[in-house]
Amino acid sequence: RETAGIEALFAAFDAHEPDAAAAMSDLVDHLGLALANLVNLYNPQKIVVGGWFGDQIAEKFLEELHASVLRFSLEQPGNEVVLERSRLGHDAAALGAATLPLDHFIETGWPQ
């Protein structure tokens, strides 16, 4: 199962294991670096962190993640971007995928 490793890491972190805390800190820094690269390239107003993994990270580390984005991004776009936890929870990706057929229908209309 693909999520078993990350689930074990979250469980170890919740159990206050020092190695897990260090691993989570590294994970948040690397994710912050990746998001900072997106901020530098696209200058978004907001980044919504969601889905199963993102929701787990945002629940515990949203402030640290935002600090990491600020540390690695350029000053101008970095200071203006807002990081926010998704209100859709773990099902954010599935809900987004479910809107694709609806978007197609709105764009093309009812088939004749």
PDB file of N, CA and C in Angstrom:
ATOM      1  N   ARG A   1       0.845  -1.180   0.000  1.00  0.00           N
ATOM      2  CA  ARG A   1       0.000   0.000   0.000  1.00  0.00           C
ATOM      3  C   ARG A   1       0.886   1.238   0.000  1.00  0.00           C
ATOM      4  N   GLU A   2       0.635   2.185  -0.884  1.00  0.00           N
ATOM      5  CA  GLU A   2       1.525   3.324  -1.072  1.00  0.00           C
ATOM      6  C   GLU A   2       1.580   4.255   0.126  1.00  0.00           C
ATOM      7  N   THR A   3       0.478   4.451   0.829  1.00  0.00           N
ATOM      8  CA  THR A   3       0.467   5.414   1.922  1.00  0.00           C
ATOM      9  C   THR A   3       0.962   4.836   3.237  1.00  0.00           C
ATOM     10  N   ALA A   4       1.309   3.553   3.272  1.00  0.00           N
ATOM     11  CA  ALA A   4       1.737   2.930   4.528  1.00  0.00           C
ATOM     12  C   ALA A   4       2.963   3.624   5.103  1.00  0.00           C
ATOM     13  N   GLY A   5       3.921   4.004   4.282  1.00  0.00           N
ATOM     14  CA  GLY A   5       5.123   4.667   4.771  1.00  0.00           C
ATOM     15  C   GLY A   5       4.831   6.013   5.400  1.00  0.00           C
ATOM     16  N   ILE A   6       4.016   6.806   4.743  1.00  0.00           N
ATOM     17  CA  ILE A   6       3.708   8.131   5.279  1.00  0.00           C
ATOM     18  C   ILE A   6       2.795   8.019   6.491  1.00  0.00           C
ATOM     19  N   GLU A   7       1.886   7.038   6.487  1.00  0.00           N
ATOM     20  CA  GLU A   7       1.036   6.824   7.666  1.00  0.00           C
ATOM     21  C   GLU A   7       1.888   6.443   8.870  1.00  0.00           C
ATOM     22  N   ALA A   8       2.889   5.600   8.642  1.00  0.00           N
ATOM     23  CA  ALA A   8       3.796   5.208   9.729  1.00  0.00           C
ATOM     24  C   ALA A   8       4.585   6.412  10.231  1.00  0.00           C
ATOM     25  N   LEU A   9       4.987   7.281   9.324  1.00  0.00           N
ATOM     26  CA  LEU A   9       5.717   8.480   9.720  1.00  0.00           C
ATOM     27  C   LEU A   9       4.837   9.394  10.569  1.00  0.00           C
ATOM     28  N   PHE A  10       3.598   9.608  10.148  1.00  0.00           N
ATOM     29  CA  PHE A  10       2.683  10.435  10.943  1.00  0.00           C
ATOM     30  C   PHE A  10       2.438   9.814  12.316  1.00  0.00           C
ATOM     31  N   ALA A  11       2.271   8.488  12.368  1.00  0.00           N
ATOM     32  CA  ALA A  11       2.048   7.801  13.647  1.00  0.00           C
ATOM     33  C   ALA A  11       3.264   7.945  14.558  1.00  0.00           C
ATOM     34  N   ALA A  12       4.453   7.802  13.988  1.00  0.00           N
ATOM     35  CA  ALA A  12       5.678   7.955  14.780  1.00  0.00           C
ATOM     36  C   ALA A  12       5.830   9.391  15.274  1.00  0.00           C
ATOM     37  N   PHE A  13       5.464  10.356  14.435  1.00  0.00           N
ATOM     38  CA  PHE A  13       5.518  11.757  14.854  1.00  0.00           C
ATOM     39  C   PHE A  13       4.553  12.004  16.012  1.00  0.00           C
ATOM     40  N   ASP A  14       3.334  11.469  15.888  1.00  0.00           N
ATOM     41  CA  ASP A  14       2.341  11.631  16.954  1.00  0.00           C
ATOM     42  C   ASP A  14       2.787  10.965  18.249  1.00  0.00           C
ATOM     43  N   ALA A  15       3.632   9.934  18.141  1.00  0.00           N
ATOM     44  CA  ALA A  15       4.175   9.247  19.320  1.00  0.00           C
ATOM     45  C   ALA A  15       5.427   9.950  19.858  1.00  0.00           C
ATOM     46  N   HIS A  16       5.751  11.116  19.275  1.00  0.00           N
ATOM     47  CA  HIS A  16       6.879  11.952  19.716  1.00  0.00           C
ATOM     48  C   HIS A  16       8.230  11.264  19.558  1.00  0.00           C
ATOM     49  N   GLU A  17       8.378  10.476  18.496  1.00  0.00           N
ATOM     50  CA  GLU A  17       9.673   9.859  18.224  1.00  0.00           C
ATOM     51  C   GLU A  17      10.596  10.899  17.586  1.00  0.00           C
ATOM     52  N   PRO A  18      11.812  11.080  18.123  1.00  0.00           N
ATOM     53  CA  PRO A  18      12.716  12.127  17.630  1.00  0.00           C
ATOM     54  C   PRO A  18      13.069  11.992  16.147  1.00  0.00           C
ATOM     55  N   ASP A  19      13.305  10.768  15.682  1.00  0.00           N
ATOM     56  CA  ASP A  19      13.642  10.588  14.267  1.00  0.00           C
ATOM     57  C   ASP A  19      12.480  10.992  13.371  1.00  0.00           C
ATOM     58  N   ALA A  20      11.268  10.727  13.821  1.00  0.00           N
ATOM     59  CA  ALA A  20      10.091  11.098  13.037  1.00  0.00           C
ATOM     60  C   ALA A  20       9.940  12.614  12.992  1.00  0.00           C
ATOM     61  N   ALA A  21      10.237  13.274  14.102  1.00  0.00           N
ATOM     62  CA  ALA A  21      10.161  14.736  14.126  1.00  0.00           C
ATOM     63  C   ALA A  21      11.165  15.341  13.150  1.00  0.00           C
ATOM     64  N   ALA A  22      12.371  14.792  13.111  1.00  0.00           N
ATOM     65  CA  ALA A  22      13.389  15.278  12.173  1.00  0.00           C
ATOM     66  C   ALA A  22      12.970  15.010  10.737  1.00  0.00           C
ATOM     67  N   ALA A  23      12.411  13.832  10.482  1.00  0.00           N
ATOM     68  CA  ALA A  23      11.952  13.495   9.128  1.00  0.00           C
ATOM     69  C   ALA A  23      10.813  14.408   8.696  1.00  0.00           C
ATOM     70  N   MET A  24       9.890  14.709   9.603  1.00  0.00           N
ATOM     71  CA  MET A  24       8.777  15.600   9.258  1.00  0.00           C
ATOM     72  C   MET A  24       9.280  17.014   8.984  1.00  0.00           C
ATOM     73  N   SER A  25      10.265  17.450   9.754  1.00  0.00           N
ATOM     74  CA  SER A  25      10.847  18.767   9.525  1.00  0.00           C
ATOM     75  C   SER A  25      11.472  18.838   8.135  1.00  0.00           C
ATOM     76  N   ASP A  26      12.212  17.799   7.755  1.00  0.00           N
ATOM     77  CA  ASP A  26      12.798  17.741   6.412  1.00  0.00           C
ATOM     78  C   ASP A  26      11.715  17.708   5.339  1.00  0.00           C
ATOM     79  N   LEU A  27      10.671  16.923   5.579  1.00  0.00           N
ATOM     80  CA  LEU A  27       9.583  16.812   4.618  1.00  0.00           C
ATOM     81  C   LEU A  27       8.917  18.171   4.402  1.00  0.00           C
ATOM     82  N   VAL A  28       8.642  18.883   5.488  1.00  0.00           N
ATOM     83  CA  VAL A  28       8.006  20.201   5.386  1.00  0.00           C
ATOM     84  C   VAL A  28       8.922  21.176   4.650  1.00  0.00           C
ATOM     85  N   ASP A  29      10.229  21.122   4.929  1.00  0.00           N
ATOM     86  CA  ASP A  29      11.169  21.998   4.221  1.00  0.00           C
ATOM     87  C   ASP A  29      11.198  21.699   2.724  1.00  0.00           C
ATOM     88  N   HIS A  30      11.228  20.429   2.358  1.00  0.00           N
ATOM     89  CA  HIS A  30      11.254  20.072   0.938  1.00  0.00           C
ATOM     90  C   HIS A  30       9.940  20.448   0.248  1.00  0.00           C
ATOM     91  N   LEU A  31       8.827  20.243   0.914  1.00  0.00           N
ATOM     92  CA  LEU A  31       7.548  20.654   0.348  1.00  0.00           C
ATOM     93  C   LEU A  31       7.484  22.173   0.228  1.00  0.00           C
ATOM     94  N   GLY A  32       8.007  22.873   1.223  1.00  0.00           N
ATOM     95  CA  GLY A  32       8.065  24.336   1.161  1.00  0.00           C
ATOM     96  C   GLY A  32       8.921  24.826   0.011  1.00  0.00           C
ATOM     97  N   LEU A  33      10.033  24.146  -0.240  1.00  0.00           N
ATOM     98  CA  LEU A  33      10.892  24.494  -1.373  1.00  0.00           C
ATOM     99  C   LEU A  33      10.150  24.294  -2.691  1.00  0.00           C
ATOM    100  N   ALA A  34       9.447  23.176  -2.813  1.00  0.00           N
ATOM    101  CA  ALA A  34       8.682  22.913  -4.042  1.00  0.00           C
ATOM    102  C   ALA A  34       7.602  23.970  -4.243  1.00  0.00           C
ATOM    103  N   LEU A  35       6.887  24.311  -3.184  1.00  0.00           N
ATOM    104  CA  LEU A  35       5.844  25.336  -3.300  1.00  0.00           C
ATOM    105  C   LEU A  35       6.456  26.705  -3.583  1.00  0.00           C
ATOM    106  N   ALA A  36       7.619  26.992  -2.994  1.00  0.00           N
ATOM    107  CA  ALA A  36       8.296  28.268  -3.257  1.00  0.00           C
ATOM    108  C   ALA A  36       8.669  28.389  -4.729  1.00  0.00           C
ATOM    109  N   ASN A  37       9.102  27.294  -5.340  1.00  0.00           N
ATOM    110  CA  ASN A  37       9.404  27.322  -6.773  1.00  0.00           C
ATOM    111  C   ASN A  37       8.153  27.656  -7.579  1.00  0.00           C
ATOM    112  N   LEU A  38       7.019  27.087  -7.195  1.00  0.00           N
ATOM    113  CA  LEU A  38       5.761  27.415  -7.880  1.00  0.00           C
ATOM    114  C   LEU A  38       5.377  28.872  -7.649  1.00  0.00           C
ATOM    115  N   VAL A  39       5.588  29.360  -6.442  1.00  0.00           N
ATOM    116  CA  VAL A  39       5.300  30.766  -6.133  1.00  0.00           C
ATOM    117  C   VAL A  39       6.169  31.673  -6.993  1.00  0.00           C
ATOM    118  N   ASN A  40       7.459  31.351  -7.107  1.00  0.00           N
ATOM    119  CA  ASN A  40       8.368  32.168  -7.909  1.00  0.00           C
ATOM    120  C   ASN A  40       7.995  32.158  -9.385  1.00  0.00           C
ATOM    121  N   LEU A  41       7.511  31.032  -9.882  1.00  0.00           N
ATOM    122  CA  LEU A  41       7.161  30.918 -11.300  1.00  0.00           C
ATOM    123  C   LEU A  41       5.814  31.537 -11.641  1.00  0.00           C
ATOM    124  N   TYR A  42       4.818  31.327 -10.777  1.00  0.00           N
ATOM    125  CA  TYR A  42       3.437  31.681 -11.136  1.00  0.00           C
ATOM    126  C   TYR A  42       2.840  32.823 -10.323  1.00  0.00           C
ATOM    127  N   ASN A  43       3.478  33.222  -9.231  1.00  0.00           N
ATOM    128  CA  ASN A  43       3.010  34.320  -8.395  1.00  0.00           C
ATOM    129  C   ASN A  43       1.525  34.184  -8.027  1.00  0.00           C
ATOM    130  N   PRO A  44       1.131  33.055  -7.425  1.00  0.00           N
ATOM    131  CA  PRO A  44      -0.284  32.892  -7.073  1.00  0.00           C
ATOM    132  C   PRO A  44      -0.652  33.752  -5.863  1.00  0.00           C
ATOM    133  N   GLN A  45      -1.920  34.077  -5.747  1.00  0.00           N
ATOM    134  CA  GLN A  45      -2.396  34.798  -4.571  1.00  0.00           C
ATOM    135  C   GLN A  45      -2.575  33.851  -3.393  1.00  0.00           C
ATOM    136  N   LYS A  46      -2.929  32.592  -3.697  1.00  0.00           N
ATOM    137  CA  LYS A  46      -3.242  31.638  -2.641  1.00  0.00           C
ATOM    138  C   LYS A  46      -2.842  30.238  -3.071  1.00  0.00           C
ATOM    139  N   ILE A  47      -2.382  29.451  -2.112  1.00  0.00           N
ATOM    140  CA  ILE A  47      -2.147  28.024  -2.311  1.00  0.00           C
ATOM    141  C   ILE A  47      -3.029  27.297  -1.307  1.00  0.00           C
ATOM    142  N   VAL A  48      -3.892  26.436  -1.815  1.00  0.00           N
ATOM    143  CA  VAL A  48      -4.772  25.649  -0.958  1.00  0.00           C
ATOM    144  C   VAL A  48      -4.162  24.259  -0.822  1.00  0.00           C
ATOM    145  N   VAL A  49      -3.849  23.883   0.401  1.00  0.00           N
ATOM    146  CA  VAL A  49      -3.217  22.601   0.689  1.00  0.00           C
ATOM    147  C   VAL A  49      -4.315  21.615   1.064  1.00  0.00           C
ATOM    148  N   GLY A  50      -4.462  20.549   0.267  1.00  0.00           N
ATOM    149  CA  GLY A  50      -5.549  19.611   0.533  1.00  0.00           C
ATOM    150  C   GLY A  50      -5.243  18.217   0.059  1.00  0.00           C
ATOM    151  N   GLY A  51      -6.275  17.406   0.000  1.00  0.00           N
ATOM    152  CA  GLY A  51      -6.113  15.997  -0.303  1.00  0.00           C
ATOM    153  C   GLY A  51      -5.667  15.268   0.946  1.00  0.00           C
ATOM    154  N   TRP A  52      -5.521  13.950   0.860  1.00  0.00           N
ATOM    155  CA  TRP A  52      -5.179  13.183   2.058  1.00  0.00           C
ATOM    156  C   TRP A  52      -3.860  13.646   2.660  1.00  0.00           C
ATOM    157  N   PHE A  53      -2.813  13.681   1.849  1.00  0.00           N
ATOM    158  CA  PHE A  53      -1.487  14.048   2.343  1.00  0.00           C
ATOM    159  C   PHE A  53      -1.438  15.516   2.759  1.00  0.00           C
ATOM    160  N   GLY A  54      -1.932  16.386   1.894  1.00  0.00           N
ATOM    161  CA  GLY A  54      -1.897  17.815   2.182  1.00  0.00           C
ATOM    162  C   GLY A  54      -2.682  18.182   3.424  1.00  0.00           C
ATOM    163  N   ASP A  55      -3.811  17.520   3.623  1.00  0.00           N
ATOM    164  CA  ASP A  55      -4.626  17.794   4.796  1.00  0.00           C
ATOM    165  C   ASP A  55      -3.889  17.385   6.070  1.00  0.00           C
ATOM    166  N   GLN A  56      -3.188  16.259   6.014  1.00  0.00           N
ATOM    167  CA  GLN A  56      -2.404  15.808   7.169  1.00  0.00           C
ATOM    168  C   GLN A  56      -1.285  16.803   7.485  1.00  0.00           C
ATOM    169  N   ILE A  57      -0.621  17.279   6.453  1.00  0.00           N
ATOM    170  CA  ILE A  57       0.462  18.250   6.640  1.00  0.00           C
ATOM    171  C   ILE A  57      -0.094  19.570   7.161  1.00  0.00           C
ATOM    172  N   ALA A  58      -1.160  20.063   6.532  1.00  0.00           N
ATOM    173  CA  ALA A  58      -1.720  21.355   6.921  1.00  0.00           C
ATOM    174  C   ALA A  58      -2.264  21.338   8.345  1.00  0.00           C
ATOM    175  N   GLU A  59      -2.798  20.204   8.757  1.00  0.00           N
ATOM    176  CA  GLU A  59      -3.355  20.102  10.111  1.00  0.00           C
ATOM    177  C   GLU A  59      -2.288  20.351  11.171  1.00  0.00           C
ATOM    178  N   LYS A  60      -1.084  19.867  10.926  1.00  0.00           N
ATOM    179  CA  LYS A  60      -0.032  19.938  11.938  1.00  0.00           C
ATOM    180  C   LYS A  60       1.045  20.986  11.647  1.00  0.00           C
ATOM    181  N   PHE A  61       1.247  21.313  10.372  1.00  0.00           N
ATOM    182  CA  PHE A  61       2.437  22.090  10.001  1.00  0.00           C
ATOM    183  C   PHE A  61       2.168  23.266   9.065  1.00  0.00           C
ATOM    184  N   LEU A  62       0.971  23.798   9.022  1.00  0.00           N
ATOM    185  CA  LEU A  62       0.689  24.862   8.052  1.00  0.00           C
ATOM    186  C   LEU A  62       1.583  26.084   8.282  1.00  0.00           C
ATOM    187  N   GLU A  63       1.772  26.481   9.526  1.00  0.00           N
ATOM    188  CA  GLU A  63       2.621  27.646   9.806  1.00  0.00           C
ATOM    189  C   GLU A  63       4.074  27.382   9.413  1.00  0.00           C
ATOM    190  N   GLU A  64       4.576  26.188   9.731  1.00  0.00           N
ATOM    191  CA  GLU A  64       5.947  25.839   9.370  1.00  0.00           C
ATOM    192  C   GLU A  64       6.108  25.759   7.859  1.00  0.00           C
ATOM    193  N   LEU A  65       5.100  25.232   7.187  1.00  0.00           N
ATOM    194  CA  LEU A  65       5.140  25.149   5.727  1.00  0.00           C
ATOM    195  C   LEU A  65       5.167  26.538   5.119  1.00  0.00           C
ATOM    196  N   HIS A  66       4.347  27.442   5.642  1.00  0.00           N
ATOM    197  CA  HIS A  66       4.333  28.809   5.129  1.00  0.00           C
ATOM    198  C   HIS A  66       5.682  29.485   5.370  1.00  0.00           C
ATOM    199  N   ALA A  67       6.272  29.261   6.542  1.00  0.00           N
ATOM    200  CA  ALA A  67       7.598  29.825   6.832  1.00  0.00           C
ATOM    201  C   ALA A  67       8.642  29.285   5.862  1.00  0.00           C
ATOM    202  N   SER A  68       8.541  28.021   5.517  1.00  0.00           N
ATOM    203  CA  SER A  68       9.470  27.422   4.560  1.00  0.00           C
ATOM    204  C   SER A  68       9.289  28.033   3.175  1.00  0.00           C
ATOM    205  N   VAL A  69       8.052  28.241   2.768  1.00  0.00           N
ATOM    206  CA  VAL A  69       7.785  28.889   1.477  1.00  0.00           C
ATOM    207  C   VAL A  69       8.397  30.282   1.470  1.00  0.00           C
ATOM    208  N   LEU A  70       8.220  31.032   2.543  1.00  0.00           N
ATOM    209  CA  LEU A  70       8.792  32.380   2.627  1.00  0.00           C
ATOM    210  C   LEU A  70      10.314  32.344   2.580  1.00  0.00           C
ATOM    211  N   ARG A  71      10.913  31.364   3.229  1.00  0.00           N
ATOM    212  CA  ARG A  71      12.376  31.253   3.265  1.00  0.00           C
ATOM    213  C   ARG A  71      12.962  30.969   1.885  1.00  0.00           C
ATOM    214  N   PHE A  72      12.271  30.155   1.089  1.00  0.00           N
ATOM    215  CA  PHE A  72      12.818  29.728  -0.197  1.00  0.00           C
ATOM    216  C   PHE A  72      12.330  30.541  -1.395  1.00  0.00           C
ATOM    217  N   SER A  73      11.301  31.349  -1.230  1.00  0.00           N
ATOM    218  CA  SER A  73      10.767  32.091  -2.377  1.00  0.00           C
ATOM    219  C   SER A  73      11.393  33.479  -2.448  1.00  0.00           C
ATOM    220  N   LEU A  74      11.212  34.112  -3.588  1.00  0.00           N
ATOM    221  CA  LEU A  74      11.610  35.504  -3.720  1.00  0.00           C
ATOM    222  C   LEU A  74      10.735  36.341  -2.795  1.00  0.00           C
ATOM    223  N   GLU A  75      11.260  37.486  -2.370  1.00  0.00           N
ATOM    224  CA  GLU A  75      10.538  38.287  -1.377  1.00  0.00           C
ATOM    225  C   GLU A  75       9.164  38.747  -1.866  1.00  0.00           C
ATOM    226  N   GLN A  76       9.108  39.292  -3.067  1.00  0.00           N
ATOM    227  CA  GLN A  76       7.853  39.870  -3.553  1.00  0.00           C
ATOM    228  C   GLN A  76       6.724  38.842  -3.699  1.00  0.00           C
ATOM    229  N   PRO A  77       6.871  37.783  -4.447  1.00  0.00           N
ATOM    230  CA  PRO A  77       5.719  36.877  -4.505  1.00  0.00           C
ATOM    231  C   PRO A  77       5.521  36.111  -3.201  1.00  0.00           C
ATOM    232  N   GLY A  78       6.610  35.824  -2.492  1.00  0.00           N
ATOM    233  CA  GLY A  78       6.505  35.041  -1.266  1.00  0.00           C
ATOM    234  C   GLY A  78       5.724  35.738  -0.171  1.00  0.00           C
ATOM    235  N   ASN A  79       5.942  37.037  -0.021  1.00  0.00           N
ATOM    236  CA  ASN A  79       5.250  37.780   1.029  1.00  0.00           C
ATOM    237  C   ASN A  79       3.770  37.976   0.740  1.00  0.00           C
ATOM    238  N   GLU A  80       3.371  37.787  -0.500  1.00  0.00           N
ATOM    239  CA  GLU A  80       1.977  38.036  -0.862  1.00  0.00           C
ATOM    240  C   GLU A  80       1.125  36.778  -0.926  1.00  0.00           C
ATOM    241  N   VAL A  81       1.747  35.612  -0.979  1.00  0.00           N
ATOM    242  CA  VAL A  81       0.979  34.373  -1.119  1.00  0.00           C
ATOM    243  C   VAL A  81       0.412  33.948   0.238  1.00  0.00           C
ATOM    244  N   VAL A  82      -0.809  33.446   0.202  1.00  0.00           N
ATOM    245  CA  VAL A  82      -1.485  32.929   1.392  1.00  0.00           C
ATOM    246  C   VAL A  82      -1.561  31.414   1.271  1.00  0.00           C
ATOM    247  N   LEU A  83      -1.178  30.713   2.315  1.00  0.00           N
ATOM    248  CA  LEU A  83      -1.358  29.258   2.367  1.00  0.00           C
ATOM    249  C   LEU A  83      -2.570  28.972   3.232  1.00  0.00           C
ATOM    250  N   GLU A  84      -3.423  28.101   2.740  1.00  0.00           N
ATOM    251  CA  GLU A  84      -4.669  27.807   3.438  1.00  0.00           C
ATOM    252  C   GLU A  84      -4.969  26.316   3.359  1.00  0.00           C
ATOM    253  N   ARG A  85      -5.516  25.790   4.423  1.00  0.00           N
ATOM    254  CA  ARG A  85      -5.930  24.382   4.446  1.00  0.00           C
ATOM    255  C   ARG A  85      -7.263  24.245   3.719  1.00  0.00           C
ATOM    256  N   SER A  86      -7.349  23.249   2.868  1.00  0.00           N
ATOM    257  CA  SER A  86      -8.581  23.005   2.119  1.00  0.00           C
ATOM    258  C   SER A  86      -9.729  22.700   3.065  1.00  0.00           C
ATOM    259  N   ARG A  87     -10.892  23.218   2.729  1.00  0.00           N
ATOM    260  CA  ARG A  87     -12.094  22.914   3.507  1.00  0.00           C
ATOM    261  C   ARG A  87     -12.763  21.646   3.006  1.00  0.00           C
ATOM    262  N   LEU A  88     -12.228  21.057   1.933  1.00  0.00           N
ATOM    263  CA  LEU A  88     -12.829  19.856   1.356  1.00  0.00           C
ATOM    264  C   LEU A  88     -12.319  18.576   1.996  1.00  0.00           C
ATOM    265  N   GLY A  89     -11.288  18.677   2.819  1.00  0.00           N
ATOM    266  CA  GLY A  89     -10.786  17.504   3.525  1.00  0.00           C
ATOM    267  C   GLY A  89     -10.055  16.535   2.626  1.00  0.00           C
ATOM    268  N   HIS A  90     -10.091  15.265   3.010  1.00  0.00           N
ATOM    269  CA  HIS A  90      -9.334  14.221   2.315  1.00  0.00           C
ATOM    270  C   HIS A  90      -9.851  13.949   0.908  1.00  0.00           C
ATOM    271  N   ASP A  91     -11.068  14.338   0.609  1.00  0.00           N
ATOM    272  CA  ASP A  91     -11.674  14.023  -0.685  1.00  0.00           C
ATOM    273  C   ASP A  91     -11.507  15.129  -1.722  1.00  0.00           C
ATOM    274  N   ALA A  92     -10.621  16.078  -1.488  1.00  0.00           N
ATOM    275  CA  ALA A  92     -10.476  17.214  -2.391  1.00  0.00           C
ATOM    276  C   ALA A  92     -10.162  16.782  -3.821  1.00  0.00           C
ATOM    277  N   ALA A  93      -9.243  15.854  -3.995  1.00  0.00           N
ATOM    278  CA  ALA A  93      -8.869  15.416  -5.348  1.00  0.00           C
ATOM    279  C   ALA A  93     -10.036  14.725  -6.037  1.00  0.00           C
ATOM    280  N   ALA A  94     -10.761  13.885  -5.318  1.00  0.00           N
ATOM    281  CA  ALA A  94     -11.906  13.188  -5.909  1.00  0.00           C
ATOM    282  C   ALA A  94     -13.001  14.173  -6.297  1.00  0.00           C
ATOM    283  N   LEU A  95     -13.238  15.162  -5.463  1.00  0.00           N
ATOM    284  CA  LEU A  95     -14.250  16.169  -5.791  1.00  0.00           C
ATOM    285  C   LEU A  95     -13.828  16.988  -7.007  1.00  0.00           C
ATOM    286  N   GLY A  96     -12.543  17.309  -7.084  1.00  0.00           N
ATOM    287  CA  GLY A  96     -12.049  18.035  -8.254  1.00  0.00           C
ATOM    288  C   GLY A  96     -12.210  17.226  -9.522  1.00  0.00           C
ATOM    289  N   ALA A  97     -11.888  15.944  -9.453  1.00  0.00           N
ATOM    290  CA  ALA A  97     -12.041  15.072 -10.623  1.00  0.00           C
ATOM    291  C   ALA A  97     -13.503  14.942 -11.020  1.00  0.00           C
ATOM    292  N   ALA A  98     -14.392  14.931 -10.049  1.00  0.00           N
ATOM    293  CA  ALA A  98     -15.820  14.792 -10.340  1.00  0.00           C
ATOM    294  C   ALA A  98     -16.376  16.004 -11.070  1.00  0.00           C
ATOM    295  N   THR A  99     -15.710  17.144 -10.962  1.00  0.00           N
ATOM    296  CA  THR A  99     -16.201  18.341 -11.651  1.00  0.00           C
ATOM    297  C   THR A  99     -15.818  18.366 -13.129  1.00  0.00           C
ATOM    298  N   LEU A 100     -14.861  17.546 -13.545  1.00  0.00           N
ATOM    299  CA  LEU A 100     -14.411  17.577 -14.942  1.00  0.00           C
ATOM    300  C   LEU A 100     -15.528  17.284 -15.938  1.00  0.00           C
ATOM    301  N   PRO A 101     -16.335  16.243 -15.751  1.00  0.00           N
ATOM    302  CA  PRO A 101     -17.436  16.026 -16.701  1.00  0.00           C
ATOM    303  C   PRO A 101     -18.438  17.180 -16.700  1.00  0.00           C
ATOM    304  N   LEU A 102     -18.668  17.761 -15.536  1.00  0.00           N
ATOM    305  CA  LEU A 102     -19.586  18.899 -15.456  1.00  0.00           C
ATOM    306  C   LEU A 102     -19.026  20.088 -16.225  1.00  0.00           C
ATOM    307  N   ASP A 103     -17.741  20.366 -16.068  1.00  0.00           N
ATOM    308  CA  ASP A 103     -17.111  21.448 -16.832  1.00  0.00           C
ATOM    309  C   ASP A 103     -17.228  21.199 -18.332  1.00  0.00           C
ATOM    310  N   HIS A 104     -16.998  19.965 -18.751  1.00  0.00           N
ATOM    311  CA  HIS A 104     -17.106  19.622 -20.168  1.00  0.00           C
ATOM    312  C   HIS A 104     -18.532  19.864 -20.665  1.00  0.00           C
ATOM    313  N   PHE A 105     -19.509  19.462 -19.891  1.00  0.00           N
ATOM    314  CA  PHE A 105     -20.907  19.663 -20.266  1.00  0.00           C
ATOM    315  C   PHE A 105     -21.231  21.151 -20.385  1.00  0.00           C
ATOM    316  N   ILE A 106     -20.745  21.954 -19.455  1.00  0.00           N
ATOM    317  CA  ILE A 106     -21.010  23.395 -19.493  1.00  0.00           C
ATOM    318  C   ILE A 106     -20.364  24.023 -20.722  1.00  0.00           C
ATOM    319  N   GLU A 107     -19.157  23.589 -21.068  1.00  0.00           N
ATOM    320  CA  GLU A 107     -18.455  24.148 -22.225  1.00  0.00           C
ATOM    321  C   GLU A 107     -19.082  23.737 -23.549  1.00  0.00           C
ATOM    322  N   THR A 108     -19.482  22.481 -23.663  1.00  0.00           N
ATOM    323  CA  THR A 108     -19.927  21.966 -24.966  1.00  0.00           C
ATOM    324  C   THR A 108     -21.436  21.888 -25.107  1.00  0.00           C
ATOM    325  N   GLY A 109     -22.154  21.933 -24.019  1.00  0.00           N
ATOM    326  CA  GLY A 109     -23.608  21.836 -24.090  1.00  0.00           C
ATOM    327  C   GLY A 109     -24.072  20.392 -24.174  1.00  0.00           C
ATOM    328  N   TRP A 110     -25.369  20.216 -24.188  1.00  0.00           N
ATOM    329  CA  TRP A 110     -25.980  18.888 -24.255  1.00  0.00           C
ATOM    330  C   TRP A 110     -25.762  18.296 -25.635  1.00  0.00           C
ATOM    331  N   PRO A 111     -25.350  17.021 -25.725  1.00  0.00           N
ATOM    332  CA  PRO A 111     -25.131  16.412 -27.047  1.00  0.00           C
ATOM    333  C   PRO A 111     -26.429  16.379 -27.859  1.00  0.00           C
ATOM    334  N   GLN A 112     -26.325  16.668 -29.127  1.00  0.00           N
ATOM    335  CA  GLN A 112     -27.503  16.691 -30.016  1.00  0.00           C
ATOM    336  C   GLN A 112     -27.711  15.362 -30.669  1.00  0.00           C
TER     337      GLN A 112
END
